[in-house]
Amino acid sequence: MFTGIIERTGKVVSVSTHRAGGASGMNAITQVIIDPEKGFETKLGDSVSVNGCCLTVTSNKMNLLSFDVSRETLEKTNLADLKEGQDINLERAMALGARLGGHMASGHIDCCGTIERMEKNPDGWIVEVSIPRTFGRYLISKGSICIDGVSLTINTLKDIADRSVVGLTLIPTTISLTCFRHAIKGAEVNIEVDLIGKYIERLTAPRSV
C-alpha cells in the first residue's frame, strides 16, 4: 500500500524493451531504469510507486533502480510515454504502523486522465483533469484521488457526457516537490480512484446464486 505522499522525484535513465526469455511469441518486457539519487534505500523485490504505478525493484546497483514493466501496465498507464531524462514521482511502500499522511492507495492504475486546465492563481494552481465517466462514479467532492501517484483532495466534480471533470487546487509545495511542476494542459496522467468505492460497489451488487 501507498499513501500518495511523494517522497521525491527521480530521473529516468533509460527505457528499453526486450523479449522475455528470447523465445518466439513471448511477451515483450520493458525495462525502466531510474536514478532516485542517494538516500532512497530499497531492497530487491521492494514495491515502489512510480508515477502512481506499483512496480517491483529488480535491481538496485550503483544507486539506480531497475523495474520490469509489463505490456498490460504500458497499455493502461502513461509509463509507455516515458523519455530519458524525464522526472518521475517516487514513493516506497508504507511501513506497517507508519502515519497515513495521504490516503490508502494500491498503486494499481484504473485509467489515464487528461489535464484540461492548469492555471496559476494567488492561492496555488487550479487544475482540472478529465477521466472516463465510468470511473468518475467512484469519486466524490472532498474525497481523495491519486494522480500520477499524488494524493489529492477533490474540490469539484462534474459529469459531462462520457467523462467526469475533477477540479483540484494544488499548493506551491505540491508543485515544487512533485512532477506537477512540469505539468501542462493536454498531458496524460495516471489515475487511481478511491478503492473503497470499488469495494462497496462489488459488495452491494446483485449476485446470482
C-alpha atoms as a PDB file:
ATOM      1  CA  MET A   1       0.000   0.000   0.000  1.00  0.00           C
ATOM      2  CA  PHE A   2       0.986   3.605  -0.577  1.00  0.00           C
ATOM      3  CA  THR A   3      -0.157   6.929   0.831  1.00  0.00           C
ATOM      4  CA  GLY A   4       0.158   9.228  -2.172  1.00  0.00           C
ATOM      5  CA  ILE A   5       2.710  11.377  -0.352  1.00  0.00           C
ATOM      6  CA  ILE A   6       5.574  11.616  -2.840  1.00  0.00           C
ATOM      7  CA  GLU A   7       8.984  11.111  -1.233  1.00  0.00           C
ATOM      8  CA  ARG A   8      10.938  12.587  -4.114  1.00  0.00           C
ATOM      9  CA  THR A   9      11.186  12.771  -7.864  1.00  0.00           C
ATOM     10  CA  GLY A  10      13.680  10.604  -9.702  1.00  0.00           C
ATOM     11  CA  LYS A  11      15.016  10.837 -13.224  1.00  0.00           C
ATOM     12  CA  VAL A  12      14.525   8.275 -15.985  1.00  0.00           C
ATOM     13  CA  VAL A  13      17.933   6.987 -17.102  1.00  0.00           C
ATOM     14  CA  SER A  14      16.784   4.589 -19.813  1.00  0.00           C
ATOM     15  CA  VAL A  15      13.785   2.748 -21.244  1.00  0.00           C
ATOM     16  CA  SER A  16      14.407  -0.438 -23.229  1.00  0.00           C
ATOM     17  CA  THR A  17      12.309  -3.338 -24.474  1.00  0.00           C
ATOM     18  CA  HIS A  18      13.334  -6.956 -24.930  1.00  0.00           C
ATOM     19  CA  ARG A  19      11.665 -10.314 -25.428  1.00  0.00           C
ATOM     20  CA  ALA A  20      11.149 -12.237 -22.184  1.00  0.00           C
ATOM     21  CA  GLY A  21      13.424 -15.279 -22.355  1.00  0.00           C
ATOM     22  CA  GLY A  22      14.109 -14.552 -26.019  1.00  0.00           C
ATOM     23  CA  ALA A  23      11.578 -17.196 -27.065  1.00  0.00           C
ATOM     24  CA  SER A  24       9.382 -16.643 -30.087  1.00  0.00           C
ATOM     25  CA  GLY A  25       5.875 -15.493 -29.169  1.00  0.00           C
ATOM     26  CA  MET A  26       6.838 -14.461 -25.643  1.00  0.00           C
ATOM     27  CA  ASN A  27       5.583 -11.117 -24.394  1.00  0.00           C
ATOM     28  CA  ALA A  28       7.956  -8.190 -24.570  1.00  0.00           C
ATOM     29  CA  ILE A  29       9.168  -6.744 -21.270  1.00  0.00           C
ATOM     30  CA  THR A  30      10.102  -3.082 -20.958  1.00  0.00           C
ATOM     31  CA  GLN A  31      12.869  -2.252 -18.506  1.00  0.00           C
ATOM     32  CA  VAL A  32      12.877   1.183 -16.916  1.00  0.00           C
ATOM     33  CA  ILE A  33      15.951   2.410 -15.039  1.00  0.00           C
ATOM     34  CA  ILE A  34      15.543   5.359 -12.680  1.00  0.00           C
ATOM     35  CA  ASP A  35      18.025   7.434 -10.725  1.00  0.00           C
ATOM     36  CA  PRO A  36      16.363   8.283  -7.369  1.00  0.00           C
ATOM     37  CA  GLU A  37      19.547   9.961  -6.088  1.00  0.00           C
ATOM     38  CA  LYS A  38      21.163   8.961  -2.787  1.00  0.00           C
ATOM     39  CA  GLY A  39      19.198   8.170   0.337  1.00  0.00           C
ATOM     40  CA  PHE A  40      16.314   6.317  -1.311  1.00  0.00           C
ATOM     41  CA  GLU A  41      17.050   2.900   0.196  1.00  0.00           C
ATOM     42  CA  THR A  42      15.432  -0.196  -1.338  1.00  0.00           C
ATOM     43  CA  LYS A  43      15.910  -3.963  -1.469  1.00  0.00           C
ATOM     44  CA  LEU A  44      15.361  -6.380  -4.363  1.00  0.00           C
ATOM     45  CA  GLY A  45      11.669  -7.196  -4.566  1.00  0.00           C
ATOM     46  CA  ASP A  46      10.537  -3.991  -2.858  1.00  0.00           C
ATOM     47  CA  SER A  47       7.453  -2.234  -4.180  1.00  0.00           C
ATOM     48  CA  VAL A  48       7.826   1.359  -5.347  1.00  0.00           C
ATOM     49  CA  SER A  49       5.151   3.678  -6.681  1.00  0.00           C
ATOM     50  CA  VAL A  50       6.439   5.090  -9.978  1.00  0.00           C
ATOM     51  CA  ASN A  51       4.077   7.834 -11.161  1.00  0.00           C
ATOM     52  CA  GLY A  52       1.461   6.001  -9.120  1.00  0.00           C
ATOM     53  CA  CYS A  53       2.181   2.539 -10.590  1.00  0.00           C
ATOM     54  CA  CYS A  54       3.237  -0.176  -8.153  1.00  0.00           C
ATOM     55  CA  LEU A  55       6.421  -1.678  -9.620  1.00  0.00           C
ATOM     56  CA  THR A  56       8.907  -4.206  -8.237  1.00  0.00           C
ATOM     57  CA  VAL A  57      12.593  -3.388  -7.833  1.00  0.00           C
ATOM     58  CA  THR A  58      14.527  -5.894  -9.974  1.00  0.00           C
ATOM     59  CA  SER A  59      17.953  -4.297  -9.485  1.00  0.00           C
ATOM     60  CA  ASN A  60      19.340  -1.528  -7.269  1.00  0.00           C
ATOM     61  CA  LYS A  61      23.008  -1.422  -8.224  1.00  0.00           C
ATOM     62  CA  MET A  62      25.075   1.773  -8.395  1.00  0.00           C
ATOM     63  CA  ASN A  63      22.221   3.809  -6.842  1.00  0.00           C
ATOM     64  CA  LEU A  64      19.997   3.070  -9.855  1.00  0.00           C
ATOM     65  CA  LEU A  65      16.641   1.309  -9.659  1.00  0.00           C
ATOM     66  CA  SER A  66      15.505  -1.095 -12.368  1.00  0.00           C
ATOM     67  CA  PHE A  67      11.897  -2.123 -12.965  1.00  0.00           C
ATOM     68  CA  ASP A  68      10.332  -4.554 -15.441  1.00  0.00           C
ATOM     69  CA  VAL A  69       7.097  -3.151 -16.849  1.00  0.00           C
ATOM     70  CA  SER A  70       4.584  -5.497 -18.462  1.00  0.00           C
ATOM     71  CA  ARG A  71       2.597  -4.796 -21.620  1.00  0.00           C
ATOM     72  CA  GLU A  72      -0.569  -4.623 -19.508  1.00  0.00           C
ATOM     73  CA  THR A  73       0.903  -1.790 -17.438  1.00  0.00           C
ATOM     74  CA  LEU A  74       2.117   0.068 -20.525  1.00  0.00           C
ATOM     75  CA  GLU A  75      -1.336  -0.152 -22.125  1.00  0.00           C
ATOM     76  CA  LYS A  76      -3.152   1.238 -19.071  1.00  0.00           C
ATOM     77  CA  THR A  77      -0.728   3.921 -17.844  1.00  0.00           C
ATOM     78  CA  ASN A  78       1.435   6.786 -19.057  1.00  0.00           C
ATOM     79  CA  LEU A  79       4.631   4.791 -18.466  1.00  0.00           C
ATOM     80  CA  ALA A  80       4.586   3.922 -22.167  1.00  0.00           C
ATOM     81  CA  ASP A  81       5.491   7.551 -22.877  1.00  0.00           C
ATOM     82  CA  LEU A  82       8.495   7.769 -20.536  1.00  0.00           C
ATOM     83  CA  LYS A  83      11.534   9.505 -22.004  1.00  0.00           C
ATOM     84  CA  GLU A  84      15.177   9.554 -20.949  1.00  0.00           C
ATOM     85  CA  GLY A  85      15.832  12.464 -18.593  1.00  0.00           C
ATOM     86  CA  GLN A  86      12.178  12.788 -17.560  1.00  0.00           C
ATOM     87  CA  ASP A  87      11.337  13.414 -13.892  1.00  0.00           C
ATOM     88  CA  ILE A  88       9.058  10.881 -12.233  1.00  0.00           C
ATOM     89  CA  ASN A  89       7.243  10.664  -8.874  1.00  0.00           C
ATOM     90  CA  LEU A  90       8.534   8.065  -6.404  1.00  0.00           C
ATOM     91  CA  GLU A  91       7.153   6.636  -3.171  1.00  0.00           C
ATOM     92  CA  ARG A  92       8.201   3.496  -1.324  1.00  0.00           C
ATOM     93  CA  ALA A  93       5.501   1.203   0.090  1.00  0.00           C
ATOM     94  CA  MET A  94       4.340   2.333   3.511  1.00  0.00           C
ATOM     95  CA  ALA A  95       5.583   0.513   6.612  1.00  0.00           C
ATOM     96  CA  LEU A  96       3.045  -1.075   8.971  1.00  0.00           C
ATOM     97  CA  GLY A  97       2.316   1.410  11.737  1.00  0.00           C
ATOM     98  CA  ALA A  98       3.514   4.435   9.745  1.00  0.00           C
ATOM     99  CA  ARG A  99       1.405   7.573   9.551  1.00  0.00           C
ATOM    100  CA  LEU A 100      -1.093   7.636   6.709  1.00  0.00           C
ATOM    101  CA  GLY A 101      -0.467  11.175   5.514  1.00  0.00           C
ATOM    102  CA  GLY A 102      -2.478  10.953   2.299  1.00  0.00           C
ATOM    103  CA  HIS A 103      -4.975   8.130   1.709  1.00  0.00           C
ATOM    104  CA  MET A 104      -4.854   4.392   1.034  1.00  0.00           C
ATOM    105  CA  ALA A 105      -3.608   3.742  -2.494  1.00  0.00           C
ATOM    106  CA  SER A 106      -2.829   0.363  -4.050  1.00  0.00           C
ATOM    107  CA  GLY A 107      -0.612   1.530  -6.894  1.00  0.00           C
ATOM    108  CA  HIS A 108      -2.947  -0.153  -9.392  1.00  0.00           C
ATOM    109  CA  ILE A 109      -3.891   2.403 -12.040  1.00  0.00           C
ATOM    110  CA  ASP A 110      -7.544   2.467 -13.091  1.00  0.00           C
ATOM    111  CA  CYS A 111      -7.239   4.657 -16.166  1.00  0.00           C
ATOM    112  CA  CYS A 112      -5.459   7.618 -17.682  1.00  0.00           C
ATOM    113  CA  GLY A 113      -6.823  11.135 -17.485  1.00  0.00           C
ATOM    114  CA  THR A 114      -6.053  14.356 -19.344  1.00  0.00           C
ATOM    115  CA  ILE A 115      -5.140  17.713 -17.831  1.00  0.00           C
ATOM    116  CA  GLU A 116      -7.772  20.122 -19.181  1.00  0.00           C
ATOM    117  CA  ARG A 117      -6.730  23.202 -17.203  1.00  0.00           C
ATOM    118  CA  MET A 118      -3.564  24.307 -15.399  1.00  0.00           C
ATOM    119  CA  GLU A 119      -3.863  27.851 -14.129  1.00  0.00           C
ATOM    120  CA  LYS A 120      -1.844  29.707 -11.507  1.00  0.00           C
ATOM    121  CA  ASN A 121      -3.601  31.972  -9.014  1.00  0.00           C
ATOM    122  CA  PRO A 122      -2.622  33.653  -5.702  1.00  0.00           C
ATOM    123  CA  ASP A 123      -3.511  30.533  -3.660  1.00  0.00           C
ATOM    124  CA  GLY A 124      -1.689  27.999  -5.821  1.00  0.00           C
ATOM    125  CA  TRP A 125      -2.678  26.245  -9.032  1.00  0.00           C
ATOM    126  CA  ILE A 126      -6.173  25.463 -10.283  1.00  0.00           C
ATOM    127  CA  VAL A 127      -6.117  22.126 -12.100  1.00  0.00           C
ATOM    128  CA  GLU A 128      -8.882  20.275 -13.936  1.00  0.00           C
ATOM    129  CA  VAL A 129      -8.448  16.684 -15.077  1.00  0.00           C
ATOM    130  CA  SER A 130     -10.929  14.725 -17.187  1.00  0.00           C
ATOM    131  CA  ILE A 131     -11.312  10.967 -16.789  1.00  0.00           C
ATOM    132  CA  PRO A 132     -13.650   8.376 -18.341  1.00  0.00           C
ATOM    133  CA  ARG A 133     -17.063   8.748 -16.696  1.00  0.00           C
ATOM    134  CA  THR A 134     -17.166   5.033 -15.884  1.00  0.00           C
ATOM    135  CA  PHE A 135     -14.508   5.744 -13.236  1.00  0.00           C
ATOM    136  CA  GLY A 136     -15.985   9.062 -12.168  1.00  0.00           C
ATOM    137  CA  ARG A 137     -18.689   7.232 -10.239  1.00  0.00           C
ATOM    138  CA  TYR A 138     -16.093   6.223  -7.630  1.00  0.00           C
ATOM    139  CA  LEU A 139     -15.260   9.847  -6.810  1.00  0.00           C
ATOM    140  CA  ILE A 140     -16.947  12.373  -4.531  1.00  0.00           C
ATOM    141  CA  SER A 141     -16.406  16.056  -3.825  1.00  0.00           C
ATOM    142  CA  LYS A 142     -13.894  16.433  -0.946  1.00  0.00           C
ATOM    143  CA  GLY A 143     -12.899  12.809  -1.447  1.00  0.00           C
ATOM    144  CA  SER A 144      -9.462  11.577  -2.483  1.00  0.00           C
ATOM    145  CA  ILE A 145      -7.871  10.734  -5.819  1.00  0.00           C
ATOM    146  CA  CYS A 146      -4.337   9.731  -6.834  1.00  0.00           C
ATOM    147  CA  ILE A 147      -2.954  11.495  -9.899  1.00  0.00           C
ATOM    148  CA  ASP A 148       0.487  10.285 -11.016  1.00  0.00           C
ATOM    149  CA  GLY A 149       0.835   8.876  -7.507  1.00  0.00           C
ATOM    150  CA  VAL A 150      -0.011  12.134  -5.710  1.00  0.00           C
ATOM    151  CA  SER A 151      -2.808  12.031  -3.131  1.00  0.00           C
ATOM    152  CA  LEU A 152      -5.111  14.980  -3.798  1.00  0.00           C
ATOM    153  CA  THR A 153      -8.441  16.257  -2.481  1.00  0.00           C
ATOM    154  CA  ILE A 154     -11.248  16.720  -4.987  1.00  0.00           C
ATOM    155  CA  ASN A 155     -12.708  20.235  -4.865  1.00  0.00           C
ATOM    156  CA  THR A 156     -15.293  19.895  -7.616  1.00  0.00           C
ATOM    157  CA  LEU A 157     -16.668  17.064  -9.693  1.00  0.00           C
ATOM    158  CA  LYS A 158     -18.711  17.443 -12.887  1.00  0.00           C
ATOM    159  CA  ASP A 159     -20.101  14.722 -15.148  1.00  0.00           C
ATOM    160  CA  ILE A 160     -20.144  15.761 -18.808  1.00  0.00           C
ATOM    161  CA  ALA A 161     -21.277  13.276 -21.460  1.00  0.00           C
ATOM    162  CA  ASP A 162     -18.786  10.399 -21.374  1.00  0.00           C
ATOM    163  CA  ARG A 163     -16.297  11.989 -18.980  1.00  0.00           C
ATOM    164  CA  SER A 164     -16.001  13.347 -15.469  1.00  0.00           C
ATOM    165  CA  VAL A 165     -14.025  16.518 -14.775  1.00  0.00           C
ATOM    166  CA  VAL A 166     -12.162  16.670 -11.472  1.00  0.00           C
ATOM    167  CA  GLY A 167     -11.296  20.114 -10.093  1.00  0.00           C
ATOM    168  CA  LEU A 168      -8.296  20.459  -7.767  1.00  0.00           C
ATOM    169  CA  THR A 169      -6.220  23.137  -6.055  1.00  0.00           C
ATOM    170  CA  LEU A 170      -2.506  22.433  -5.744  1.00  0.00           C
ATOM    171  CA  ILE A 171      -0.486  24.319  -3.153  1.00  0.00           C
ATOM    172  CA  PRO A 172       3.005  25.559  -4.094  1.00  0.00           C
ATOM    173  CA  THR A 173       4.645  22.784  -2.007  1.00  0.00           C
ATOM    174  CA  THR A 174       2.898  20.085  -4.045  1.00  0.00           C
ATOM    175  CA  ILE A 175       4.003  21.755  -7.261  1.00  0.00           C
ATOM    176  CA  SER A 176       7.627  22.066  -6.162  1.00  0.00           C
ATOM    177  CA  LEU A 177       8.019  18.547  -4.716  1.00  0.00           C
ATOM    178  CA  THR A 178       6.309  16.545  -7.482  1.00  0.00           C
ATOM    179  CA  CYS A 179       6.251  16.283 -11.258  1.00  0.00           C
ATOM    180  CA  PHE A 180       3.310  18.670 -11.330  1.00  0.00           C
ATOM    181  CA  ARG A 181       5.943  21.379 -11.721  1.00  0.00           C
ATOM    182  CA  HIS A 182       6.259  20.169 -15.324  1.00  0.00           C
ATOM    183  CA  ALA A 183       2.534  19.593 -15.930  1.00  0.00           C
ATOM    184  CA  ILE A 184       0.906  21.206 -18.950  1.00  0.00           C
ATOM    185  CA  LYS A 185      -2.546  21.271 -20.466  1.00  0.00           C
ATOM    186  CA  GLY A 186      -3.170  18.156 -22.549  1.00  0.00           C
ATOM    187  CA  ALA A 187      -0.745  15.954 -20.616  1.00  0.00           C
ATOM    188  CA  GLU A 188      -1.810  12.387 -19.852  1.00  0.00           C
ATOM    189  CA  VAL A 189      -1.774  11.388 -16.170  1.00  0.00           C
ATOM    190  CA  ASN A 190      -2.262   8.140 -14.260  1.00  0.00           C
ATOM    191  CA  ILE A 191      -5.472   7.910 -12.246  1.00  0.00           C
ATOM    192  CA  GLU A 192      -6.264   5.708  -9.258  1.00  0.00           C
ATOM    193  CA  VAL A 193      -9.749   6.281  -7.869  1.00  0.00           C
ATOM    194  CA  ASP A 194     -10.762   5.618  -4.270  1.00  0.00           C
ATOM    195  CA  LEU A 195     -10.572   1.829  -3.839  1.00  0.00           C
ATOM    196  CA  ILE A 196     -13.155   1.857  -1.018  1.00  0.00           C
ATOM    197  CA  GLY A 197     -15.808   2.914  -3.532  1.00  0.00           C
ATOM    198  CA  LYS A 198     -14.934  -0.050  -5.747  1.00  0.00           C
ATOM    199  CA  TYR A 199     -15.216  -2.470  -2.825  1.00  0.00           C
ATOM    200  CA  ILE A 200     -18.615  -1.053  -1.843  1.00  0.00           C
ATOM    201  CA  GLU A 201     -19.885  -1.390  -5.414  1.00  0.00           C
ATOM    202  CA  ARG A 202     -18.742  -5.014  -5.566  1.00  0.00           C
ATOM    203  CA  LEU A 203     -20.219  -5.928  -2.180  1.00  0.00           C
ATOM    204  CA  THR A 204     -23.597  -4.314  -2.866  1.00  0.00           C
ATOM    205  CA  ALA A 205     -24.016  -5.516  -6.459  1.00  0.00           C
ATOM    206  CA  PRO A 206     -26.799  -8.068  -7.071  1.00  0.00           C
ATOM    207  CA  ARG A 207     -25.477 -11.623  -7.302  1.00  0.00           C
ATOM    208  CA  SER A 208     -26.886 -14.799  -8.756  1.00  0.00           C
ATOM    209  CA  VAL A 209     -26.684 -17.917  -6.575  1.00  0.00           C
END
